[in-house]
PDB file of N, CA and C in Angstrom:
ATOM      1  N   GLN A   1      -5.904  14.120  14.396  1.00  0.00           N
ATOM      2  CA  GLN A   1      -5.416  12.918  13.728  1.00  0.00           C
ATOM      3  C   GLN A   1      -4.705  12.004  14.775  1.00  0.00           C
ATOM      4  N   LEU A   2      -4.877  10.738  14.505  1.00  0.00           N
ATOM      5  CA  LEU A   2      -4.268   9.748  15.378  1.00  0.00           C
ATOM      6  C   LEU A   2      -3.270   8.863  14.598  1.00  0.00           C
ATOM      7  N   GLN A   3      -2.191   8.553  15.181  1.00  0.00           N
ATOM      8  CA  GLN A   3      -1.167   7.726  14.534  1.00  0.00           C
ATOM      9  C   GLN A   3      -0.665   6.749  15.543  1.00  0.00           C
ATOM     10  N   ALA A   4      -0.856   5.452  15.250  1.00  0.00           N
ATOM     11  CA  ALA A   4      -0.366   4.394  16.136  1.00  0.00           C
ATOM     12  C   ALA A   4       0.984   3.929  15.563  1.00  0.00           C
ATOM     13  N   PHE A   5       1.874   3.563  16.461  1.00  0.00           N
ATOM     14  CA  PHE A   5       3.149   2.984  16.041  1.00  0.00           C
ATOM     15  C   PHE A   5       3.722   2.154  17.186  1.00  0.00           C
ATOM     16  N   GLY A   6       4.716   1.397  16.851  1.00  0.00           N
ATOM     17  CA  GLY A   6       5.356   0.526  17.824  1.00  0.00           C
ATOM     18  C   GLY A   6       5.081  -0.948  17.631  1.00  0.00           C
ATOM     19  N   GLY A   7       4.303  -1.303  16.597  1.00  0.00           N
ATOM     20  CA  GLY A   7       4.046  -2.693  16.348  1.00  0.00           C
ATOM     21  C   GLY A   7       5.270  -3.406  15.807  1.00  0.00           C
ATOM     22  N   GLY A   8       5.135  -4.687  15.663  1.00  0.00           N
ATOM     23  CA  GLY A   8       6.257  -5.501  15.105  1.00  0.00           C
ATOM     24  C   GLY A   8       6.067  -6.951  15.408  1.00  0.00           C
ATOM     25  N   LEU A   9       7.172  -7.644  15.285  1.00  0.00           N
ATOM     26  CA  LEU A   9       7.177  -9.115  15.513  1.00  0.00           C
ATOM     27  C   LEU A   9       7.802  -9.405  16.886  1.00  0.00           C
ATOM     28  N   VAL A  10       7.086 -10.181  17.655  1.00  0.00           N
ATOM     29  CA  VAL A  10       7.543 -10.525  19.000  1.00  0.00           C
ATOM     30  C   VAL A  10       7.212 -11.970  19.276  1.00  0.00           C
ATOM     31  N   GLN A  11       8.038 -12.597  20.077  1.00  0.00           N
ATOM     32  CA  GLN A  11       7.794 -14.022  20.422  1.00  0.00           C
ATOM     33  C   GLN A  11       6.756 -14.110  21.543  1.00  0.00           C
ATOM     34  N   ALA A  12       6.054 -15.174  21.520  1.00  0.00           N
ATOM     35  CA  ALA A  12       5.112 -15.461  22.596  1.00  0.00           C
ATOM     36  C   ALA A  12       5.767 -15.335  23.953  1.00  0.00           C
ATOM     37  N   GLY A  13       5.100 -14.688  24.875  1.00  0.00           N
ATOM     38  CA  GLY A  13       5.670 -14.498  26.191  1.00  0.00           C
ATOM     39  C   GLY A  13       6.414 -13.184  26.308  1.00  0.00           C
ATOM     40  N   GLY A  14       6.691 -12.545  25.216  1.00  0.00           N
ATOM     41  CA  GLY A  14       7.410 -11.301  25.194  1.00  0.00           C
ATOM     42  C   GLY A  14       6.559 -10.082  25.448  1.00  0.00           C
ATOM     43  N   TYR A  15       7.072  -8.928  25.142  1.00  0.00           N
ATOM     44  CA  TYR A  15       6.325  -7.696  25.410  1.00  0.00           C
ATOM     45  C   TYR A  15       6.532  -6.715  24.266  1.00  0.00           C
ATOM     46  N   LEU A  16       5.641  -5.797  24.242  1.00  0.00           N
ATOM     47  CA  LEU A  16       5.692  -4.763  23.202  1.00  0.00           C
ATOM     48  C   LEU A  16       4.937  -3.539  23.761  1.00  0.00           C
ATOM     49  N   ARG A  17       5.318  -2.340  23.360  1.00  0.00           N
ATOM     50  CA  ARG A  17       4.612  -1.169  23.740  1.00  0.00           C
ATOM     51  C   ARG A  17       4.171  -0.370  22.509  1.00  0.00           C
ATOM     52  N   LEU A  18       2.866  -0.211  22.426  1.00  0.00           N
ATOM     53  CA  LEU A  18       2.365   0.630  21.340  1.00  0.00           C
ATOM     54  C   LEU A  18       2.157   2.057  21.849  1.00  0.00           C
ATOM     55  N   SER A  19       2.301   3.006  20.916  1.00  0.00           N
ATOM     56  CA  SER A  19       2.068   4.408  21.246  1.00  0.00           C
ATOM     57  C   SER A  19       1.108   4.968  20.218  1.00  0.00           C
ATOM     58  N   CYS A  20       0.392   5.962  20.650  1.00  0.00           N
ATOM     59  CA  CYS A  20      -0.540   6.656  19.755  1.00  0.00           C
ATOM     60  C   CYS A  20      -0.335   8.128  19.943  1.00  0.00           C
ATOM     61  N   ALA A  21       0.076   8.757  18.901  1.00  0.00           N
ATOM     62  CA  ALA A  21       0.246  10.240  18.951  1.00  0.00           C
ATOM     63  C   ALA A  21      -0.969  10.911  18.378  1.00  0.00           C
ATOM     64  N   ALA A  22      -1.443  11.929  19.072  1.00  0.00           N
ATOM     65  CA  ALA A  22      -2.663  12.611  18.628  1.00  0.00           C
ATOM     66  C   ALA A  22      -2.361  14.069  18.402  1.00  0.00           C
ATOM     67  N   SER A  23      -2.921  14.609  17.413  1.00  0.00           N
ATOM     68  CA  SER A  23      -2.810  16.023  17.142  1.00  0.00           C
ATOM     69  C   SER A  23      -4.108  16.699  17.569  1.00  0.00           C
ATOM     70  N   GLY A  24      -4.043  17.956  17.880  1.00  0.00           N
ATOM     71  CA  GLY A  24      -5.234  18.697  18.293  1.00  0.00           C
ATOM     72  C   GLY A  24      -5.104  19.215  19.684  1.00  0.00           C
ATOM     73  N   ARG A  25      -5.844  20.249  19.978  1.00  0.00           N
ATOM     74  CA  ARG A  25      -5.698  20.948  21.292  1.00  0.00           C
ATOM     75  C   ARG A  25      -6.522  20.263  22.355  1.00  0.00           C
ATOM     76  N   PHE A  26      -7.416  19.358  22.044  1.00  0.00           N
ATOM     77  CA  PHE A  26      -8.367  18.899  23.035  1.00  0.00           C
ATOM     78  C   PHE A  26      -8.206  17.422  23.335  1.00  0.00           C
ATOM     79  N   PHE A  27      -6.990  16.916  23.128  1.00  0.00           N
ATOM     80  CA  PHE A  27      -6.747  15.488  23.405  1.00  0.00           C
ATOM     81  C   PHE A  27      -7.190  15.117  24.812  1.00  0.00           C
ATOM     82  N   SER A  28      -6.909  15.979  25.787  1.00  0.00           N
ATOM     83  CA  SER A  28      -7.153  15.678  27.181  1.00  0.00           C
ATOM     84  C   SER A  28      -8.633  15.638  27.568  1.00  0.00           C
ATOM     85  N   SER A  29      -9.505  15.921  26.545  1.00  0.00           N
ATOM     86  CA  SER A  29     -10.949  15.980  26.837  1.00  0.00           C
ATOM     87  C   SER A  29     -11.643  14.723  26.399  1.00  0.00           C
ATOM     88  N   TYR A  30     -10.936  13.820  25.724  1.00  0.00           N
ATOM     89  CA  TYR A  30     -11.597  12.690  25.090  1.00  0.00           C
ATOM     90  C   TYR A  30     -11.121  11.357  25.666  1.00  0.00           C
ATOM     91  N   SER A  31     -12.054  10.444  25.844  1.00  0.00           N
ATOM     92  CA  SER A  31     -11.707   9.067  26.142  1.00  0.00           C
ATOM     93  C   SER A  31     -11.069   8.447  24.884  1.00  0.00           C
ATOM     94  N   MET A  32     -10.109   7.577  25.154  1.00  0.00           N
ATOM     95  CA  MET A  32      -9.376   6.972  24.061  1.00  0.00           C
ATOM     96  C   MET A  32      -9.381   5.458  24.221  1.00  0.00           C
ATOM     97  N   GLY A  33      -8.971   4.756  23.149  1.00  0.00           N
ATOM     98  CA  GLY A  33      -8.970   3.311  23.296  1.00  0.00           C
ATOM     99  C   GLY A  33      -8.079   2.641  22.237  1.00  0.00           C
ATOM    100  N   TRP A  34      -7.887   1.386  22.439  1.00  0.00           N
ATOM    101  CA  TRP A  34      -7.191   0.542  21.478  1.00  0.00           C
ATOM    102  C   TRP A  34      -8.129  -0.545  20.994  1.00  0.00           C
ATOM    103  N   PHE A  35      -8.322  -0.628  19.702  1.00  0.00           N
ATOM    104  CA  PHE A  35      -9.048  -1.703  19.058  1.00  0.00           C
ATOM    105  C   PHE A  35      -8.053  -2.634  18.351  1.00  0.00           C
ATOM    106  N   ARG A  36      -8.488  -3.802  18.043  1.00  0.00           N
ATOM    107  CA  ARG A  36      -7.616  -4.666  17.194  1.00  0.00           C
ATOM    108  C   ARG A  36      -8.516  -5.497  16.307  1.00  0.00           C
ATOM    109  N   GLN A  37      -7.926  -5.886  15.196  1.00  0.00           N
ATOM    110  CA  GLN A  37      -8.633  -6.800  14.248  1.00  0.00           C
ATOM    111  C   GLN A  37      -7.658  -7.804  13.693  1.00  0.00           C
ATOM    112  N   ALA A  38      -7.966  -9.033  13.929  1.00  0.00           N
ATOM    113  CA  ALA A  38      -7.197 -10.145  13.407  1.00  0.00           C
ATOM    114  C   ALA A  38      -7.775 -10.580  12.092  1.00  0.00           C
ATOM    115  N   PRO A  39      -6.963 -11.198  11.257  1.00  0.00           N
ATOM    116  CA  PRO A  39      -7.480 -11.674   9.970  1.00  0.00           C
ATOM    117  C   PRO A  39      -8.673 -12.619  10.135  1.00  0.00           C
ATOM    118  N   GLY A  40      -9.734 -12.349   9.444  1.00  0.00           N
ATOM    119  CA  GLY A  40     -10.896 -13.210   9.503  1.00  0.00           C
ATOM    120  C   GLY A  40     -11.739 -13.075  10.738  1.00  0.00           C
ATOM    121  N   LYS A  41     -11.395 -12.108  11.564  1.00  0.00           N
ATOM    122  CA  LYS A  41     -12.154 -11.960  12.853  1.00  0.00           C
ATOM    123  C   LYS A  41     -12.724 -10.541  12.912  1.00  0.00           C
ATOM    124  N   GLU A  42     -13.728 -10.421  13.758  1.00  0.00           N
ATOM    125  CA  GLU A  42     -14.340  -9.089  13.936  1.00  0.00           C
ATOM    126  C   GLU A  42     -13.414  -8.207  14.755  1.00  0.00           C
ATOM    127  N   ARG A  43     -13.605  -6.956  14.529  1.00  0.00           N
ATOM    128  CA  ARG A  43     -12.872  -5.933  15.285  1.00  0.00           C
ATOM    129  C   ARG A  43     -13.284  -5.991  16.749  1.00  0.00           C
ATOM    130  N   GLU A  44     -12.396  -5.855  17.638  1.00  0.00           N
ATOM    131  CA  GLU A  44     -12.748  -5.869  19.082  1.00  0.00           C
ATOM    132  C   GLU A  44     -11.959  -4.796  19.822  1.00  0.00           C
ATOM    133  N   ILE A  45     -12.577  -4.391  20.895  1.00  0.00           N
ATOM    134  CA  ILE A  45     -11.951  -3.389  21.749  1.00  0.00           C
ATOM    135  C   ILE A  45     -11.008  -4.130  22.734  1.00  0.00           C
ATOM    136  N   CYS A  46      -9.765  -3.673  22.821  1.00  0.00           N
ATOM    137  CA  CYS A  46      -8.828  -4.226  23.763  1.00  0.00           C
ATOM    138  C   CYS A  46      -8.919  -3.486  25.115  1.00  0.00           C
ATOM    139  N   ALA A  47      -8.822  -2.198  25.031  1.00  0.00           N
ATOM    140  CA  ALA A  47      -8.795  -1.433  26.247  1.00  0.00           C
ATOM    141  C   ALA A  47      -9.208   0.005  25.951  1.00  0.00           C
ATOM    142  N   SER A  48      -9.679   0.684  26.967  1.00  0.00           N
ATOM    143  CA  SER A  48     -10.020   2.084  26.797  1.00  0.00           C
ATOM    144  C   SER A  48      -9.700   2.826  28.100  1.00  0.00           C
ATOM    145  N   ILE A  49      -9.571   4.111  28.019  1.00  0.00           N
ATOM    146  CA  ILE A  49      -9.200   4.937  29.130  1.00  0.00           C
ATOM    147  C   ILE A  49      -9.928   6.281  29.036  1.00  0.00           C
ATOM    148  N   ASN A  50     -10.403   6.778  30.122  1.00  0.00           N
ATOM    149  CA  ASN A  50     -11.145   8.050  30.045  1.00  0.00           C
ATOM    150  C   ASN A  50     -10.174   9.211  29.971  1.00  0.00           C
ATOM    151  N   TRP A  51     -10.684  10.383  29.819  1.00  0.00           N
ATOM    152  CA  TRP A  51      -9.901  11.563  29.510  1.00  0.00           C
ATOM    153  C   TRP A  51      -8.852  11.937  30.528  1.00  0.00           C
ATOM    154  N   ASN A  52      -9.051  11.618  31.825  1.00  0.00           N
ATOM    155  CA  ASN A  52      -8.069  11.968  32.854  1.00  0.00           C
ATOM    156  C   ASN A  52      -7.451  10.747  33.491  1.00  0.00           C
ATOM    157  N   SER A  53      -7.534   9.624  32.822  1.00  0.00           N
ATOM    158  CA  SER A  53      -6.938   8.330  33.290  1.00  0.00           C
ATOM    159  C   SER A  53      -7.554   7.820  34.587  1.00  0.00           C
ATOM    160  N   GLY A  54      -8.754   8.349  34.885  1.00  0.00           N
ATOM    161  CA  GLY A  54      -9.389   7.918  36.133  1.00  0.00           C
ATOM    162  C   GLY A  54     -10.089   6.561  36.025  1.00  0.00           C
ATOM    163  N   VAL A  55     -10.426   6.158  34.795  1.00  0.00           N
ATOM    164  CA  VAL A  55     -11.158   4.938  34.564  1.00  0.00           C
ATOM    165  C   VAL A  55     -10.548   4.198  33.376  1.00  0.00           C
ATOM    166  N   THR A  56     -10.429   2.897  33.516  1.00  0.00           N
ATOM    167  CA  THR A  56      -9.962   2.102  32.398  1.00  0.00           C
ATOM    168  C   THR A  56     -10.841   0.875  32.218  1.00  0.00           C
ATOM    169  N   TYR A  57     -10.771   0.310  31.037  1.00  0.00           N
ATOM    170  CA  TYR A  57     -11.545  -0.895  30.761  1.00  0.00           C
ATOM    171  C   TYR A  57     -10.631  -1.830  29.913  1.00  0.00           C
ATOM    172  N   TYR A  58     -10.754  -3.125  30.231  1.00  0.00           N
ATOM    173  CA  TYR A  58      -9.976  -4.109  29.477  1.00  0.00           C
ATOM    174  C   TYR A  58     -10.907  -5.249  29.071  1.00  0.00           C
ATOM    175  N   ALA A  59     -10.691  -5.715  27.883  1.00  0.00           N
ATOM    176  CA  ALA A  59     -11.370  -6.939  27.440  1.00  0.00           C
ATOM    177  C   ALA A  59     -10.817  -8.061  28.250  1.00  0.00           C
ATOM    178  N   ASP A  60     -11.628  -9.086  28.452  1.00  0.00           N
ATOM    179  CA  ASP A  60     -11.201 -10.236  29.237  1.00  0.00           C
ATOM    180  C   ASP A  60     -10.006 -10.913  28.631  1.00  0.00           C
ATOM    181  N   SER A  61      -9.897 -10.848  27.320  1.00  0.00           N
ATOM    182  CA  SER A  61      -8.821 -11.524  26.626  1.00  0.00           C
ATOM    183  C   SER A  61      -7.427 -10.887  26.894  1.00  0.00           C
ATOM    184  N   VAL A  62      -7.393  -9.664  27.388  1.00  0.00           N
ATOM    185  CA  VAL A  62      -6.137  -8.980  27.603  1.00  0.00           C
ATOM    186  C   VAL A  62      -5.962  -8.590  29.087  1.00  0.00           C
ATOM    187  N   LYS A  63      -6.965  -8.745  29.872  1.00  0.00           N
ATOM    188  CA  LYS A  63      -6.920  -8.312  31.238  1.00  0.00           C
ATOM    189  C   LYS A  63      -5.803  -8.982  31.999  1.00  0.00           C
ATOM    190  N   GLY A  64      -5.029  -8.209  32.703  1.00  0.00           N
ATOM    191  CA  GLY A  64      -3.877  -8.726  33.475  1.00  0.00           C
ATOM    192  C   GLY A  64      -2.577  -8.793  32.663  1.00  0.00           C
ATOM    193  N   ARG A  65      -2.711  -8.602  31.357  1.00  0.00           N
ATOM    194  CA  ARG A  65      -1.499  -8.627  30.506  1.00  0.00           C
ATOM    195  C   ARG A  65      -1.230  -7.311  29.860  1.00  0.00           C
ATOM    196  N   PHE A  66      -2.245  -6.585  29.500  1.00  0.00           N
ATOM    197  CA  PHE A  66      -2.095  -5.291  28.826  1.00  0.00           C
ATOM    198  C   PHE A  66      -2.430  -4.182  29.801  1.00  0.00           C
ATOM    199  N   THR A  67      -1.722  -3.065  29.597  1.00  0.00           N
ATOM    200  CA  THR A  67      -2.017  -1.856  30.397  1.00  0.00           C
ATOM    201  C   THR A  67      -2.111  -0.642  29.491  1.00  0.00           C
ATOM    202  N   ILE A  68      -3.206   0.032  29.623  1.00  0.00           N
ATOM    203  CA  ILE A  68      -3.405   1.283  28.822  1.00  0.00           C
ATOM    204  C   ILE A  68      -3.116   2.458  29.708  1.00  0.00           C
ATOM    205  N   SER A  69      -2.478   3.463  29.071  1.00  0.00           N
ATOM    206  CA  SER A  69      -2.182   4.668  29.810  1.00  0.00           C
ATOM    207  C   SER A  69      -2.128   5.838  28.857  1.00  0.00           C
ATOM    208  N   ARG A  70      -2.085   7.038  29.395  1.00  0.00           N
ATOM    209  CA  ARG A  70      -1.986   8.217  28.533  1.00  0.00           C
ATOM    210  C   ARG A  70      -1.196   9.275  29.205  1.00  0.00           C
ATOM    211  N   ASP A  71      -0.631  10.168  28.411  1.00  0.00           N
ATOM    212  CA  ASP A  71       0.091  11.326  28.923  1.00  0.00           C
ATOM    213  C   ASP A  71      -0.535  12.492  28.211  1.00  0.00           C
ATOM    214  N   ASN A  72      -1.400  13.196  28.856  1.00  0.00           N
ATOM    215  CA  ASN A  72      -2.056  14.296  28.192  1.00  0.00           C
ATOM    216  C   ASN A  72      -1.153  15.450  27.884  1.00  0.00           C
ATOM    217  N   ALA A  73      -0.089  15.620  28.652  1.00  0.00           N
ATOM    218  CA  ALA A  73       0.856  16.666  28.353  1.00  0.00           C
ATOM    219  C   ALA A  73       1.578  16.410  27.026  1.00  0.00           C
ATOM    220  N   LYS A  74       1.674  15.162  26.627  1.00  0.00           N
ATOM    221  CA  LYS A  74       2.360  14.805  25.392  1.00  0.00           C
ATOM    222  C   LYS A  74       1.377  14.385  24.283  1.00  0.00           C
ATOM    223  N   ASN A  75       0.117  14.486  24.586  1.00  0.00           N
ATOM    224  CA  ASN A  75      -0.907  14.072  23.582  1.00  0.00           C
ATOM    225  C   ASN A  75      -0.640  12.639  23.073  1.00  0.00           C
ATOM    226  N   THR A  76      -0.339  11.751  24.000  1.00  0.00           N
ATOM    227  CA  THR A  76       0.067  10.427  23.625  1.00  0.00           C
ATOM    228  C   THR A  76      -0.627   9.400  24.495  1.00  0.00           C
ATOM    229  N   MET A  77      -0.990   8.301  23.909  1.00  0.00           N
ATOM    230  CA  MET A  77      -1.590   7.179  24.628  1.00  0.00           C
ATOM    231  C   MET A  77      -0.704   5.930  24.375  1.00  0.00           C
ATOM    232  N   TYR A  78      -0.706   5.009  25.308  1.00  0.00           N
ATOM    233  CA  TYR A  78       0.126   3.858  25.239  1.00  0.00           C
ATOM    234  C   TYR A  78      -0.645   2.581  25.501  1.00  0.00           C
ATOM    235  N   LEU A  79      -0.099   1.476  25.004  1.00  0.00           N
ATOM    236  CA  LEU A  79      -0.595   0.165  25.329  1.00  0.00           C
ATOM    237  C   LEU A  79       0.586  -0.682  25.609  1.00  0.00           C
ATOM    238  N   GLN A  80       0.768  -1.018  26.866  1.00  0.00           N
ATOM    239  CA  GLN A  80       1.871  -1.933  27.220  1.00  0.00           C
ATOM    240  C   GLN A  80       1.329  -3.388  27.152  1.00  0.00           C
ATOM    241  N   MET A  81       1.942  -4.158  26.291  1.00  0.00           N
ATOM    242  CA  MET A  81       1.484  -5.511  26.066  1.00  0.00           C
ATOM    243  C   MET A  81       2.547  -6.470  26.643  1.00  0.00           C
ATOM    244  N   ASN A  82       2.194  -7.140  27.677  1.00  0.00           N
ATOM    245  CA  ASN A  82       3.066  -8.135  28.274  1.00  0.00           C
ATOM    246  C   ASN A  82       2.526  -9.565  28.132  1.00  0.00           C
ATOM    247  N   SER A  83       3.394 -10.518  28.237  1.00  0.00           N
ATOM    248  CA  SER A  83       2.993 -11.938  28.118  1.00  0.00           C
ATOM    249  C   SER A  83       2.147 -12.146  26.887  1.00  0.00           C
ATOM    250  N   VAL A  84       2.612 -11.678  25.730  1.00  0.00           N
ATOM    251  CA  VAL A  84       1.784 -11.724  24.525  1.00  0.00           C
ATOM    252  C   VAL A  84       1.615 -13.150  24.062  1.00  0.00           C
ATOM    253  N   LYS A  85       0.524 -13.378  23.364  1.00  0.00           N
ATOM    254  CA  LYS A  85       0.190 -14.710  22.867  1.00  0.00           C
ATOM    255  C   LYS A  85      -0.047 -14.638  21.401  1.00  0.00           C
ATOM    256  N   PRO A  86       0.108 -15.745  20.701  1.00  0.00           N
ATOM    257  CA  PRO A  86      -0.142 -15.750  19.257  1.00  0.00           C
ATOM    258  C   PRO A  86      -1.532 -15.189  18.877  1.00  0.00           C
ATOM    259  N   GLU A  87      -2.489 -15.394  19.743  1.00  0.00           N
ATOM    260  CA  GLU A  87      -3.831 -14.851  19.464  1.00  0.00           C
ATOM    261  C   GLU A  87      -3.920 -13.356  19.602  1.00  0.00           C
ATOM    262  N   ASP A  88      -2.879 -12.728  20.078  1.00  0.00           N
ATOM    263  CA  ASP A  88      -2.839 -11.267  20.098  1.00  0.00           C
ATOM    264  C   ASP A  88      -2.407 -10.679  18.737  1.00  0.00           C
ATOM    265  N   THR A  89      -2.055 -11.514  17.796  1.00  0.00           N
ATOM    266  CA  THR A  89      -1.697 -11.087  16.470  1.00  0.00           C
ATOM    267  C   THR A  89      -2.853 -10.374  15.798  1.00  0.00           C
ATOM    268  N   ALA A  90      -2.636  -9.143  15.390  1.00  0.00           N
ATOM    269  CA  ALA A  90      -3.702  -8.339  14.824  1.00  0.00           C
ATOM    270  C   ALA A  90      -3.155  -7.002  14.426  1.00  0.00           C
ATOM    271  N   VAL A  91      -3.959  -6.238  13.700  1.00  0.00           N
ATOM    272  CA  VAL A  91      -3.675  -4.848  13.457  1.00  0.00           C
ATOM    273  C   VAL A  91      -4.315  -4.056  14.625  1.00  0.00           C
ATOM    274  N   TYR A  92      -3.562  -3.242  15.276  1.00  0.00           N
ATOM    275  CA  TYR A  92      -4.038  -2.476  16.405  1.00  0.00           C
ATOM    276  C   TYR A  92      -4.247  -0.997  15.970  1.00  0.00           C
ATOM    277  N   TYR A  93      -5.402  -0.527  16.406  1.00  0.00           N
ATOM    278  CA  TYR A  93      -5.771   0.864  16.087  1.00  0.00           C
ATOM    279  C   TYR A  93      -6.002   1.680  17.334  1.00  0.00           C
ATOM    280  N   CYS A  94      -5.522   2.899  17.354  1.00  0.00           N
ATOM    281  CA  CYS A  94      -5.900   3.818  18.444  1.00  0.00           C
ATOM    282  C   CYS A  94      -7.103   4.546  17.955  1.00  0.00           C
ATOM    283  N   VAL A  95      -7.996   4.773  18.917  1.00  0.00           N
ATOM    284  CA  VAL A  95      -9.254   5.413  18.624  1.00  0.00           C
ATOM    285  C   VAL A  95      -9.593   6.433  19.691  1.00  0.00           C
ATOM    286  N   ALA A  96     -10.429   7.366  19.300  1.00  0.00           N
ATOM    287  CA  ALA A  96     -10.871   8.423  20.225  1.00  0.00           C
ATOM    288  C   ALA A  96     -12.388   8.576  20.192  1.00  0.00           C
ATOM    289  N   ASP A  97     -12.930   8.918  21.317  1.00  0.00           N
ATOM    290  CA  ASP A  97     -14.358   9.181  21.365  1.00  0.00           C
ATOM    291  C   ASP A  97     -14.583  10.483  20.568  1.00  0.00           C
ATOM    292  N   THR A  98     -15.838  10.632  20.170  1.00  0.00           N
ATOM    293  CA  THR A  98     -16.179  11.829  19.424  1.00  0.00           C
ATOM    294  C   THR A  98     -16.875  12.912  20.238  1.00  0.00           C
ATOM    295  N   VAL A  99     -17.140  12.548  21.519  1.00  0.00           N
ATOM    296  CA  VAL A  99     -17.799  13.508  22.429  1.00  0.00           C
ATOM    297  C   VAL A  99     -16.846  13.767  23.649  1.00  0.00           C
ATOM    298  N   GLN A 100     -16.651  15.006  23.968  1.00  0.00           N
ATOM    299  CA  GLN A 100     -15.786  15.295  25.098  1.00  0.00           C
ATOM    300  C   GLN A 100     -16.409  14.810  26.425  1.00  0.00           C
ATOM    301  N   TYR A 101     -15.542  14.411  27.299  1.00  0.00           N
ATOM    302  CA  TYR A 101     -15.904  14.029  28.647  1.00  0.00           C
ATOM    303  C   TYR A 101     -17.015  13.006  28.693  1.00  0.00           C
ATOM    304  N   ARG A 102     -17.007  12.038  27.796  1.00  0.00           N
ATOM    305  CA  ARG A 102     -17.948  10.938  27.829  1.00  0.00           C
ATOM    306  C   ARG A 102     -17.170   9.656  28.082  1.00  0.00           C
ATOM    307  N   TRP A 103     -17.759   8.785  28.888  1.00  0.00           N
ATOM    308  CA  TRP A 103     -17.132   7.516  29.211  1.00  0.00           C
ATOM    309  C   TRP A 103     -18.135   6.393  29.006  1.00  0.00           C
ATOM    310  N   ASN A 104     -17.797   5.479  28.147  1.00  0.00           N
ATOM    311  CA  ASN A 104     -18.506   4.187  28.052  1.00  0.00           C
ATOM    312  C   ASN A 104     -17.640   3.288  27.260  1.00  0.00           C
ATOM    313  N   THR A 105     -17.981   2.035  27.177  1.00  0.00           N
ATOM    314  CA  THR A 105     -17.211   1.041  26.452  1.00  0.00           C
ATOM    315  C   THR A 105     -17.863   0.605  25.174  1.00  0.00           C
ATOM    316  N   ASN A 106     -18.821   1.445  24.728  1.00  0.00           N
ATOM    317  CA  ASN A 106     -19.501   1.146  23.455  1.00  0.00           C
ATOM    318  C   ASN A 106     -18.547   1.430  22.323  1.00  0.00           C
ATOM    319  N   MET A 107     -18.274   0.425  21.586  1.00  0.00           N
ATOM    320  CA  MET A 107     -17.361   0.606  20.439  1.00  0.00           C
ATOM    321  C   MET A 107     -17.808   1.701  19.498  1.00  0.00           C
ATOM    322  N   GLY A 108     -19.101   1.830  19.345  1.00  0.00           N
ATOM    323  CA  GLY A 108     -19.592   2.830  18.415  1.00  0.00           C
ATOM    324  C   GLY A 108     -19.314   4.255  18.820  1.00  0.00           C
ATOM    325  N   SER A 109     -18.957   4.483  20.092  1.00  0.00           N
ATOM    326  CA  SER A 109     -18.634   5.838  20.570  1.00  0.00           C
ATOM    327  C   SER A 109     -17.281   6.333  20.086  1.00  0.00           C
ATOM    328  N   PHE A 110     -16.461   5.384  19.688  1.00  0.00           N
ATOM    329  CA  PHE A 110     -15.100   5.762  19.283  1.00  0.00           C
ATOM    330  C   PHE A 110     -15.102   5.943  17.770  1.00  0.00           C
ATOM    331  N   GLY A 111     -15.409   7.185  17.346  1.00  0.00           N
ATOM    332  CA  GLY A 111     -15.530   7.444  15.907  1.00  0.00           C
ATOM    333  C   GLY A 111     -14.297   7.953  15.231  1.00  0.00           C
ATOM    334  N   SER A 112     -13.264   8.307  16.011  1.00  0.00           N
ATOM    335  CA  SER A 112     -12.030   8.793  15.383  1.00  0.00           C
ATOM    336  C   SER A 112     -10.993   7.666  15.405  1.00  0.00           C
ATOM    337  N   TRP A 113     -10.460   7.393  14.236  1.00  0.00           N
ATOM    338  CA  TRP A 113      -9.525   6.280  14.089  1.00  0.00           C
ATOM    339  C   TRP A 113      -8.217   6.756  13.472  1.00  0.00           C
ATOM    340  N   GLY A 114      -7.163   6.096  13.893  1.00  0.00           N
ATOM    341  CA  GLY A 114      -5.901   6.331  13.283  1.00  0.00           C
ATOM    342  C   GLY A 114      -5.479   5.120  12.419  1.00  0.00           C
ATOM    343  N   ARG A 115      -4.424   5.288  11.697  1.00  0.00           N
ATOM    344  CA  ARG A 115      -3.910   4.188  10.920  1.00  0.00           C
ATOM    345  C   ARG A 115      -3.324   3.135  11.860  1.00  0.00           C
ATOM    346  N   GLY A 116      -3.623   1.890  11.594  1.00  0.00           N
ATOM    347  CA  GLY A 116      -3.221   0.839  12.517  1.00  0.00           C
ATOM    348  C   GLY A 116      -1.762   0.466  12.438  1.00  0.00           C
ATOM    349  N   THR A 117      -1.347  -0.342  13.409  1.00  0.00           N
ATOM    350  CA  THR A 117       0.024  -0.865  13.422  1.00  0.00           C
ATOM    351  C   THR A 117      -0.082  -2.402  13.621  1.00  0.00           C
ATOM    352  N   GLN A 118       0.681  -3.124  12.864  1.00  0.00           N
ATOM    353  CA  GLN A 118       0.613  -4.577  12.891  1.00  0.00           C
ATOM    354  C   GLN A 118       1.428  -5.144  14.042  1.00  0.00           C
ATOM    355  N   VAL A 119       0.791  -6.012  14.805  1.00  0.00           N
ATOM    356  CA  VAL A 119       1.497  -6.799  15.844  1.00  0.00           C
ATOM    357  C   VAL A 119       1.390  -8.263  15.471  1.00  0.00           C
ATOM    358  N   THR A 120       2.508  -8.901  15.421  1.00  0.00           N
ATOM    359  CA  THR A 120       2.584 -10.327  15.107  1.00  0.00           C
ATOM    360  C   THR A 120       3.297 -11.049  16.206  1.00  0.00           C
ATOM    361  N   VAL A 121       2.642 -12.032  16.778  1.00  0.00           N
ATOM    362  CA  VAL A 121       3.238 -12.798  17.907  1.00  0.00           C
ATOM    363  C   VAL A 121       3.557 -14.210  17.368  1.00  0.00           C
ATOM    364  N   SER A 122       4.780 -14.566  17.402  1.00  0.00           N
ATOM    365  CA  SER A 122       5.170 -15.919  16.921  1.00  0.00           C
ATOM    366  C   SER A 122       5.147 -16.911  18.091  1.00  0.00           C
ATOM    367  N   SER A 123       4.833 -18.117  17.785  1.00  0.00           N
ATOM    368  CA  SER A 123       4.785 -19.145  18.837  1.00  0.00           C
ATOM    369  C   SER A 123       6.087 -19.857  18.978  1.00  0.00           C
TER     370      SER A 123
END
């Protein structure tokens, strides 16, 4: 199971850190990611990270502002959001791949979802 938390209201230009706690013995074997969905918009992938933090991916919209990381010893993944913008307002979901030791940025590969956390950026 995945549980995202840390969302809230933040002013534009500010920062926020999301966390995702995962249960299960094999957290360290799966690539993970953060998706988001804004009202009236399609779901998009923000960032993803492979099982040992060796590879990361960022959508162009967040590159240079967001940083994804994970701590396998704590079964936790993070998303540090800096210089946030109103267009970052969305529900953020932590997701996990369904196949061990697989890396790609195909959204369809991330079949395990947690409950989202709302991020609202005020202008």
